[in-house]
Amino acid sequence: QVRAVESGGGLVQAGGSLRLSCTASGFNFSRNYMAWHRQAPGRQREFVAVIHEGGNTKYADSVKGRFTISRDNTKNTAYLQMSGLKPEDTAVYYCKTASNTWGQGTRVTVSS
């Protein structure tokens, strides 16, 4: 059974940083991409970043230059390092596996 579990969310002031983690299991982690999405209150879930098995990355324009996605295949874990956080980054952040399995989400709140 494929599973993904996020952690690392919390409350941070604008301009601050957080690192989210997503630990996955039930599939060959190193051979699949991992992605982060987020859903702000009252809005649809949106793409944030993806990292492919070879390490190639892609970001939403809204986070480019501020967020960095990475992975550690020895730990079956993907990370999202967020810096320069803005109040509009407030959302529940989800990781998604290549088989479209979602984690339960971790909440990030950025205060102004």
Protein backbone atom coordinates (compact mmCIF):
# COMPACT_ATOMS: atom_id res chain seq x y z
CA GLN A 1 0.00 0.00 0.00
CA VAL A 2 1.38 3.36 -1.05
CA ARG A 3 1.56 5.92 1.75
CA ALA A 4 2.87 9.46 2.14
CA VAL A 5 3.16 11.32 5.43
CA GLU A 6 3.97 15.02 5.66
CA SER A 7 5.47 16.89 8.59
CA GLY A 8 7.10 20.19 9.41
CA GLY A 9 4.28 22.68 9.13
CA GLY A 10 3.63 25.40 11.67
CA LEU A 11 3.24 29.11 12.34
CA VAL A 12 5.93 31.45 11.09
CA GLN A 13 6.26 35.19 10.60
CA ALA A 14 6.49 36.71 7.16
CA GLY A 15 10.03 36.46 5.84
CA GLY A 16 10.71 33.32 7.83
CA SER A 17 11.54 29.78 6.78
CA LEU A 18 10.18 26.26 7.22
CA ARG A 19 11.17 22.86 5.91
CA LEU A 20 8.49 20.35 5.11
CA SER A 21 9.17 16.63 4.87
CA CYS A 22 7.25 13.87 3.11
CA THR A 23 8.16 10.27 3.87
CA ALA A 24 6.69 7.73 1.48
CA SER A 25 6.44 3.95 1.40
CA GLY A 26 4.95 1.10 -0.60
CA PHE A 27 6.69 1.76 -3.91
CA ASN A 28 10.12 2.21 -5.45
CA PHE A 29 10.74 5.75 -4.22
CA SER A 30 13.97 6.36 -6.12
CA ARG A 31 12.34 5.63 -9.48
CA ASN A 32 9.39 7.98 -9.14
CA TYR A 33 8.77 11.67 -9.00
CA MET A 34 7.42 13.39 -5.89
CA ALA A 35 5.41 16.60 -5.89
CA TRP A 36 4.16 19.21 -3.45
CA HIS A 37 0.81 20.94 -3.77
CA ARG A 38 -1.04 23.32 -1.49
CA GLN A 39 -4.58 24.41 -0.77
CA ALA A 40 -5.32 27.79 0.73
CA PRO A 41 -8.63 28.47 2.50
CA GLY A 42 -11.42 28.87 -0.03
CA ARG A 43 -9.20 28.04 -2.98
CA GLN A 44 -8.47 25.04 -5.15
CA ARG A 45 -5.47 22.86 -4.57
CA GLU A 46 -2.52 24.07 -6.65
CA PHE A 47 0.82 22.74 -7.79
CA VAL A 48 3.89 23.98 -5.93
CA ALA A 49 6.90 21.92 -7.03
CA VAL A 50 7.99 18.55 -8.38
CA ILE A 51 11.25 16.63 -8.32
CA HIS A 52 11.81 13.85 -10.81
CA GLU A 53 13.76 10.66 -10.20
CA GLY A 54 16.80 12.12 -11.91
CA GLY A 55 16.69 15.24 -9.78
CA ASN A 56 15.13 17.62 -12.29
CA THR A 57 12.82 20.13 -10.62
CA LYS A 58 10.00 22.43 -11.61
CA TYR A 59 8.27 25.17 -9.59
CA ALA A 60 5.14 27.24 -9.70
CA ASP A 61 5.93 30.82 -10.63
CA SER A 62 4.60 32.01 -7.28
CA VAL A 63 7.32 30.16 -5.32
CA LYS A 64 10.22 30.19 -7.77
CA GLY A 65 13.36 31.53 -6.13
CA ARG A 66 11.95 31.10 -2.61
CA PHE A 67 11.18 27.38 -2.33
CA THR A 68 13.51 24.45 -2.99
CA ILE A 69 12.39 20.86 -3.46
CA SER A 70 14.83 18.05 -2.79
CA ARG A 71 14.87 14.33 -2.06
CA ASP A 72 16.84 11.77 -0.09
CA ASN A 73 16.33 8.37 -1.68
CA THR A 74 18.07 6.64 1.25
CA LYS A 75 15.27 7.90 3.51
CA ASN A 76 12.37 7.71 1.02
CA THR A 77 11.78 11.35 1.83
CA ALA A 78 11.10 14.47 -0.19
CA TYR A 79 11.59 17.94 1.26
CA LEU A 80 10.29 21.41 0.58
CA GLN A 81 12.53 24.15 1.95
CA MET A 82 10.52 27.36 2.09
CA SER A 83 12.12 30.74 2.69
CA GLY A 84 10.99 34.32 2.30
CA LEU A 85 7.52 33.17 3.33
CA LYS A 86 4.59 35.47 2.66
CA PRO A 87 1.09 35.52 4.16
CA GLU A 88 -0.23 34.29 0.80
CA ASP A 89 1.78 31.08 1.29
CA THR A 90 -0.62 30.15 4.10
CA ALA A 91 -2.15 26.80 3.13
CA VAL A 92 -2.27 23.11 3.84
CA TYR A 93 0.67 21.55 2.00
CA TYR A 94 0.31 18.07 0.54
CA CYS A 95 2.80 15.74 -1.06
CA LYS A 96 1.78 13.52 -3.91
CA THR A 97 3.38 10.39 -5.23
CA ALA A 98 3.63 9.42 -8.88
CA SER A 99 0.75 7.00 -8.33
CA ASN A 100 -1.45 9.92 -7.24
CA THR A 101 -1.45 9.00 -3.58
CA TRP A 102 -1.80 12.06 -1.34
CA GLY A 103 -0.60 12.59 2.20
CA GLN A 104 -2.84 13.96 4.91
CA GLY A 105 -1.32 17.44 4.63
CA THR A 106 0.58 19.73 6.95
CA ARG A 107 -0.63 23.24 7.74
CA VAL A 108 1.56 26.28 7.17
CA THR A 109 0.45 29.63 8.54
CA VAL A 110 2.40 32.78 7.75
CA SER A 111 1.59 35.82 9.86
CA SER A 112 2.11 39.36 8.63
